[in-house]
Amino acid sequence: MLKLRRPHFAAALTCAVALVAGCGDDSSDTGGGSATKEAKITGAKVIDPGSMDGAKGGISFCTGKDTTGSKKAGVEQFNSQNPEITVKLFEFPESAKSDECDVFYSDVIWTRSSPCRSGSTT
């Protein structure tokens, strides 16, 4: 086993910390658009949440593979608490497409490039 002496360990730790710190930025912008322009939405339909009182029917809830069982448990809990609405869980592989999904759950995919990963400055 390789033993690092204290000066070498300290130097390696300092380099690692500097590398990680250099990959971040000090802005408060969390992404998702320009910090200087505010988008204005026009023509969007406004839905009154009260119109959903007394809702009945079925919902197709589509997701990727539920590896933890949390989505299945959530659907079972929802169905037990809302007897007039029945949610069916559909698990799809990554490449699947369907137009029968009422709700589609997906992980967030980071679209902002990182100079640390790509060597890019954008």
C-alpha atoms as a PDB file:
ATOM      1  CA  MET A   1       0.000   0.000   0.000  1.00  0.00           C
ATOM      2  CA  LEU A   2       1.259   3.438  -0.892  1.00  0.00           C
ATOM      3  CA  LYS A   3       1.859   5.726   2.076  1.00  0.00           C
ATOM      4  CA  LEU A   4       1.681   9.472   1.559  1.00  0.00           C
ATOM      5  CA  ARG A   5       3.830  11.657   3.710  1.00  0.00           C
ATOM      6  CA  ARG A   6       2.209  14.672   5.297  1.00  0.00           C
ATOM      7  CA  PRO A   7       3.596  17.250   2.828  1.00  0.00           C
ATOM      8  CA  HIS A   8       2.505  15.133  -0.136  1.00  0.00           C
ATOM      9  CA  PHE A   9      -0.916  14.525   1.385  1.00  0.00           C
ATOM     10  CA  ALA A  10      -1.358  18.239   2.109  1.00  0.00           C
ATOM     11  CA  ALA A  11      -0.323  19.131  -1.446  1.00  0.00           C
ATOM     12  CA  ALA A  12      -2.709  16.546  -2.949  1.00  0.00           C
ATOM     13  CA  LEU A  13      -5.565  17.757  -0.749  1.00  0.00           C
ATOM     14  CA  THR A  14      -4.890  21.396  -1.668  1.00  0.00           C
ATOM     15  CA  CYS A  15      -4.896  20.537  -5.386  1.00  0.00           C
ATOM     16  CA  ALA A  16      -8.156  18.621  -5.067  1.00  0.00           C
ATOM     17  CA  VAL A  17      -9.842  21.480  -3.209  1.00  0.00           C
ATOM     18  CA  ALA A  18      -8.589  24.038  -5.752  1.00  0.00           C
ATOM     19  CA  LEU A  19      -9.810  21.895  -8.639  1.00  0.00           C
ATOM     20  CA  VAL A  20     -13.291  21.512  -7.163  1.00  0.00           C
ATOM     21  CA  ALA A  21     -13.513  25.186  -6.205  1.00  0.00           C
ATOM     22  CA  GLY A  22     -12.444  26.211  -9.703  1.00  0.00           C
ATOM     23  CA  CYS A  23     -15.360  24.311 -11.241  1.00  0.00           C
ATOM     24  CA  GLY A  24     -18.010  26.373  -9.466  1.00  0.00           C
ATOM     25  CA  ASP A  25     -19.045  29.952  -9.897  1.00  0.00           C
ATOM     26  CA  ASP A  26     -19.937  32.648  -7.452  1.00  0.00           C
ATOM     27  CA  SER A  27     -23.115  33.795  -9.149  1.00  0.00           C
ATOM     28  CA  SER A  28     -26.486  33.325  -7.522  1.00  0.00           C
ATOM     29  CA  ASP A  29     -28.007  32.302 -10.857  1.00  0.00           C
ATOM     30  CA  THR A  30     -29.203  28.714 -10.630  1.00  0.00           C
ATOM     31  CA  GLY A  31     -29.628  28.349 -14.380  1.00  0.00           C
ATOM     32  CA  GLY A  32     -32.787  28.041 -16.361  1.00  0.00           C
ATOM     33  CA  GLY A  33     -32.480  31.248 -18.322  1.00  0.00           C
ATOM     34  CA  SER A  34     -31.033  34.679 -18.468  1.00  0.00           C
ATOM     35  CA  ALA A  35     -30.696  36.600 -15.242  1.00  0.00           C
ATOM     36  CA  THR A  36     -31.091  39.926 -17.045  1.00  0.00           C
ATOM     37  CA  LYS A  37     -34.250  39.243 -19.080  1.00  0.00           C
ATOM     38  CA  GLU A  38     -37.567  38.272 -17.614  1.00  0.00           C
ATOM     39  CA  ALA A  39     -39.782  36.280 -19.969  1.00  0.00           C
ATOM     40  CA  LYS A  40     -43.373  37.395 -20.288  1.00  0.00           C
ATOM     41  CA  ILE A  41     -45.975  34.730 -20.894  1.00  0.00           C
ATOM     42  CA  THR A  42     -48.998  35.762 -22.915  1.00  0.00           C
ATOM     43  CA  GLY A  43     -52.038  33.812 -24.026  1.00  0.00           C
ATOM     44  CA  ALA A  44     -51.618  31.024 -21.465  1.00  0.00           C
ATOM     45  CA  LYS A  45     -54.802  29.376 -20.248  1.00  0.00           C
ATOM     46  CA  VAL A  46     -55.440  30.000 -16.564  1.00  0.00           C
ATOM     47  CA  ILE A  47     -56.905  27.040 -14.704  1.00  0.00           C
ATOM     48  CA  ASP A  48     -58.944  27.500 -11.549  1.00  0.00           C
ATOM     49  CA  PRO A  49     -57.803  24.863  -9.023  1.00  0.00           C
ATOM     50  CA  GLY A  50     -61.350  24.827  -7.635  1.00  0.00           C
ATOM     51  CA  SER A  51     -62.548  23.335 -10.928  1.00  0.00           C
ATOM     52  CA  MET A  52     -60.856  20.083  -9.917  1.00  0.00           C
ATOM     53  CA  ASP A  53     -63.044  19.584  -6.847  1.00  0.00           C
ATOM     54  CA  GLY A  54     -65.016  16.379  -7.267  1.00  0.00           C
ATOM     55  CA  ALA A  55     -62.804  15.104 -10.086  1.00  0.00           C
ATOM     56  CA  LYS A  56     -63.407  11.516 -11.225  1.00  0.00           C
ATOM     57  CA  GLY A  57     -61.740   9.192 -13.683  1.00  0.00           C
ATOM     58  CA  GLY A  58     -58.412   7.626 -14.479  1.00  0.00           C
ATOM     59  CA  ILE A  59     -54.884   8.952 -14.855  1.00  0.00           C
ATOM     60  CA  SER A  60     -51.994   7.294 -16.689  1.00  0.00           C
ATOM     61  CA  PHE A  61     -48.795   8.019 -14.766  1.00  0.00           C
ATOM     62  CA  CYS A  62     -45.750   7.176 -16.896  1.00  0.00           C
ATOM     63  CA  THR A  63     -42.194   6.994 -15.667  1.00  0.00           C
ATOM     64  CA  GLY A  64     -38.913   5.256 -16.215  1.00  0.00           C
ATOM     65  CA  LYS A  65     -38.047   2.149 -14.235  1.00  0.00           C
ATOM     66  CA  ASP A  66     -39.119   2.579 -10.594  1.00  0.00           C
ATOM     67  CA  THR A  67     -36.001   1.086  -9.018  1.00  0.00           C
ATOM     68  CA  THR A  68     -36.852   2.172  -5.462  1.00  0.00           C
ATOM     69  CA  GLY A  69     -40.564   1.374  -5.459  1.00  0.00           C
ATOM     70  CA  SER A  70     -41.350   4.928  -4.342  1.00  0.00           C
ATOM     71  CA  LYS A  71     -43.555   5.737  -7.325  1.00  0.00           C
ATOM     72  CA  LYS A  72     -45.573   2.540  -6.904  1.00  0.00           C
ATOM     73  CA  ALA A  73     -46.036   3.327  -3.194  1.00  0.00           C
ATOM     74  CA  GLY A  74     -47.061   6.904  -4.024  1.00  0.00           C
ATOM     75  CA  VAL A  75     -49.631   5.716  -6.569  1.00  0.00           C
ATOM     76  CA  GLU A  76     -51.058   3.206  -4.076  1.00  0.00           C
ATOM     77  CA  GLN A  77     -51.295   5.913  -1.412  1.00  0.00           C
ATOM     78  CA  PHE A  78     -52.971   8.360  -3.799  1.00  0.00           C
ATOM     79  CA  ASN A  79     -55.481   5.743  -4.964  1.00  0.00           C
ATOM     80  CA  SER A  80     -56.398   4.841  -1.366  1.00  0.00           C
ATOM     81  CA  GLN A  81     -56.937   8.509  -0.463  1.00  0.00           C
ATOM     82  CA  ASN A  82     -58.852   9.386  -3.660  1.00  0.00           C
ATOM     83  CA  PRO A  83     -61.386   6.647  -4.436  1.00  0.00           C
ATOM     84  CA  GLU A  84     -62.982   8.579  -7.320  1.00  0.00           C
ATOM     85  CA  ILE A  85     -59.671   8.842  -9.210  1.00  0.00           C
ATOM     86  CA  THR A  86     -57.663   5.804 -10.303  1.00  0.00           C
ATOM     87  CA  VAL A  87     -54.006   6.215 -11.202  1.00  0.00           C
ATOM     88  CA  LYS A  88     -52.298   3.520 -13.254  1.00  0.00           C
ATOM     89  CA  LEU A  89     -48.493   3.372 -13.182  1.00  0.00           C
ATOM     90  CA  PHE A  90     -46.683   2.592 -16.433  1.00  0.00           C
ATOM     91  CA  GLU A  91     -42.927   2.008 -16.374  1.00  0.00           C
ATOM     92  CA  PHE A  92     -41.060   2.566 -19.632  1.00  0.00           C
ATOM     93  CA  PRO A  93     -37.501   1.982 -20.749  1.00  0.00           C
ATOM     94  CA  GLU A  94     -35.504   5.140 -21.520  1.00  0.00           C
ATOM     95  CA  SER A  95     -36.257   5.114 -25.237  1.00  0.00           C
ATOM     96  CA  ALA A  96     -40.021   4.511 -25.004  1.00  0.00           C
ATOM     97  CA  LYS A  97     -42.547   7.018 -26.311  1.00  0.00           C
ATOM     98  CA  SER A  98     -46.280   7.136 -25.707  1.00  0.00           C
ATOM     99  CA  ASP A  99     -49.080   9.578 -26.345  1.00  0.00           C
ATOM    100  CA  GLU A 100     -51.277   7.894 -23.731  1.00  0.00           C
ATOM    101  CA  CYS A 101     -49.530   9.431 -20.708  1.00  0.00           C
ATOM    102  CA  ASP A 102     -51.484  11.975 -18.699  1.00  0.00           C
ATOM    103  CA  VAL A 103     -48.509  12.578 -16.410  1.00  0.00           C
ATOM    104  CA  PHE A 104     -44.891  11.821 -17.283  1.00  0.00           C
ATOM    105  CA  TYR A 105     -42.215  11.796 -14.583  1.00  0.00           C
ATOM    106  CA  SER A 106     -38.590  12.217 -15.593  1.00  0.00           C
ATOM    107  CA  ASP A 107     -35.311  13.096 -13.908  1.00  0.00           C
ATOM    108  CA  VAL A 108     -33.875  16.532 -14.508  1.00  0.00           C
ATOM    109  CA  ILE A 109     -31.163  16.544 -17.134  1.00  0.00           C
ATOM    110  CA  TRP A 110     -28.695  19.367 -16.704  1.00  0.00           C
ATOM    111  CA  THR A 111     -28.472  21.303 -19.936  1.00  0.00           C
ATOM    112  CA  ARG A 112     -26.038  24.007 -18.851  1.00  0.00           C
ATOM    113  CA  SER A 113     -22.553  23.027 -19.935  1.00  0.00           C
ATOM    114  CA  SER A 114     -19.798  22.932 -17.395  1.00  0.00           C
ATOM    115  CA  PRO A 115     -16.239  23.978 -18.214  1.00  0.00           C
ATOM    116  CA  CYS A 116     -15.055  21.296 -15.800  1.00  0.00           C
ATOM    117  CA  ARG A 117     -16.684  18.535 -17.824  1.00  0.00           C
ATOM    118  CA  SER A 118     -16.423  19.703 -21.410  1.00  0.00           C
ATOM    119  CA  GLY A 119     -13.529  22.139 -21.500  1.00  0.00           C
ATOM    120  CA  SER A 120     -16.022  24.719 -22.800  1.00  0.00           C
ATOM    121  CA  THR A 121     -16.408  28.247 -21.509  1.00  0.00           C
ATOM    122  CA  THR A 122     -20.168  28.480 -22.117  1.00  0.00           C
END
